[in-house]
């Protein structure tokens, strides 16, 4: 409930402050002439303006990630915690909400992209003009709240798993469940569980997913090209920003950190990005490759080995909790929606503050204040492809190796009983 309260508070407080600063003058080039907020956005103010600018995809993404998913996830988690629920139903609720919960980070990624896009640092003779979009209170609390939401989700799934195992140890499972679980311990030929074909294909697929991911990191994922007066302003000698905003997957956290003066917000969002885009995909990939190499080598399920202290068993047991922290699809969604609709968003902000000036320039010289051409780069497609393979491998791991929340091991037990009976006959 406390985490949900933080989430509600974050959507009613300012999340972005677009500022204009002008420094210089004939007498004192270091004199601060203007330092003012052009626009202060709350979550709902942003949703309203973006919808009005016809940025429907961005608007829906923000609404789902910032409000619907976190609150729905909190309500369902409390329901599973408080209301007596059948373990299968509880497991599926926790499983689905855990996978979908990571999409709440789409807000942080979009704010980072918009901050870089709006950043302008133009130096004229004796005059410096700075335009920045500063992430403020709402996005800071939202980042903290979403991170704790994901940690709580992983912990709740772990508790569900332990509760089921405790029930088995204490003899509180039903007769059918007990029979199925005991069946999994019947010694049967290894061919009953895994085949060379299955293990080879799964191992190769795991290997390919990581290769595509690592190879794609060197490319840019999104490019936003400025056209109009803003382009000419950033092309003048002395300008510290470029009209070509290119977002490389590896360098995006650093560029975002340097594009804002609110360093604590930049550090939080950059840390989340680094963790779910750069760290966890590598860890999950290595663990998945190790799992299927073990299966290929020994034809055994690493999650069911007898050695309780075996390293492979611990690695394989951790994998089922880690996939929800892989946010490749989230970044792809932010890149794609920004490439299509960032022009609408930025133009709405500019027109809201300088509409009369921009219209006058357009009427006089036929040049608009600002137009953005957005395109996704090769990195986007490599990232999307690897994300799809990661998803396939996760569900394949769940089906063949067993995941506590889907309870596939019961089905595996039935298959092994049938095989044992055929061998006995």
Foldseek 3Di string as FASTA:
>chain_A
DVLVVLLVVLQADWFKWKWKWKAFDDVGLGHTPDIDTLDTDHNVNLLVLLVVLVLVLVSVLQCCLRPVLLVVLVVLLVCLVPPDDDLLVNLVSLLVSLQPLLSNLLVLLLLLVLQLLQFWWFDDVGMTMTIGMAGDDSLLSSLVSSVVSNVVSLVSNVVSLVVVVVCLVVVNDDPLLVLLVVLLVDDDDLVLADDLVVLVVLLVLLVVLVVLLVVLQVKWFKKKAKFFQSQVRCPDPPIPDHNIDTHRLVCSLVSSCVSHPPNSSSVSSSVLSCCQAPNLVVLLSVLSNLQSVCCNVPSDQLCPDPPPPDPNNVSLLCNLSRLSSHCLVSSLSSRVSCQVCVQSSVVSSCCVRCVVVQVVCCVPPVTGHIGIHMDTDPSSVSSVVSNVSSVVSSVVCCQRNNDSSNGNSSVSSVSSVVNVVVVVD
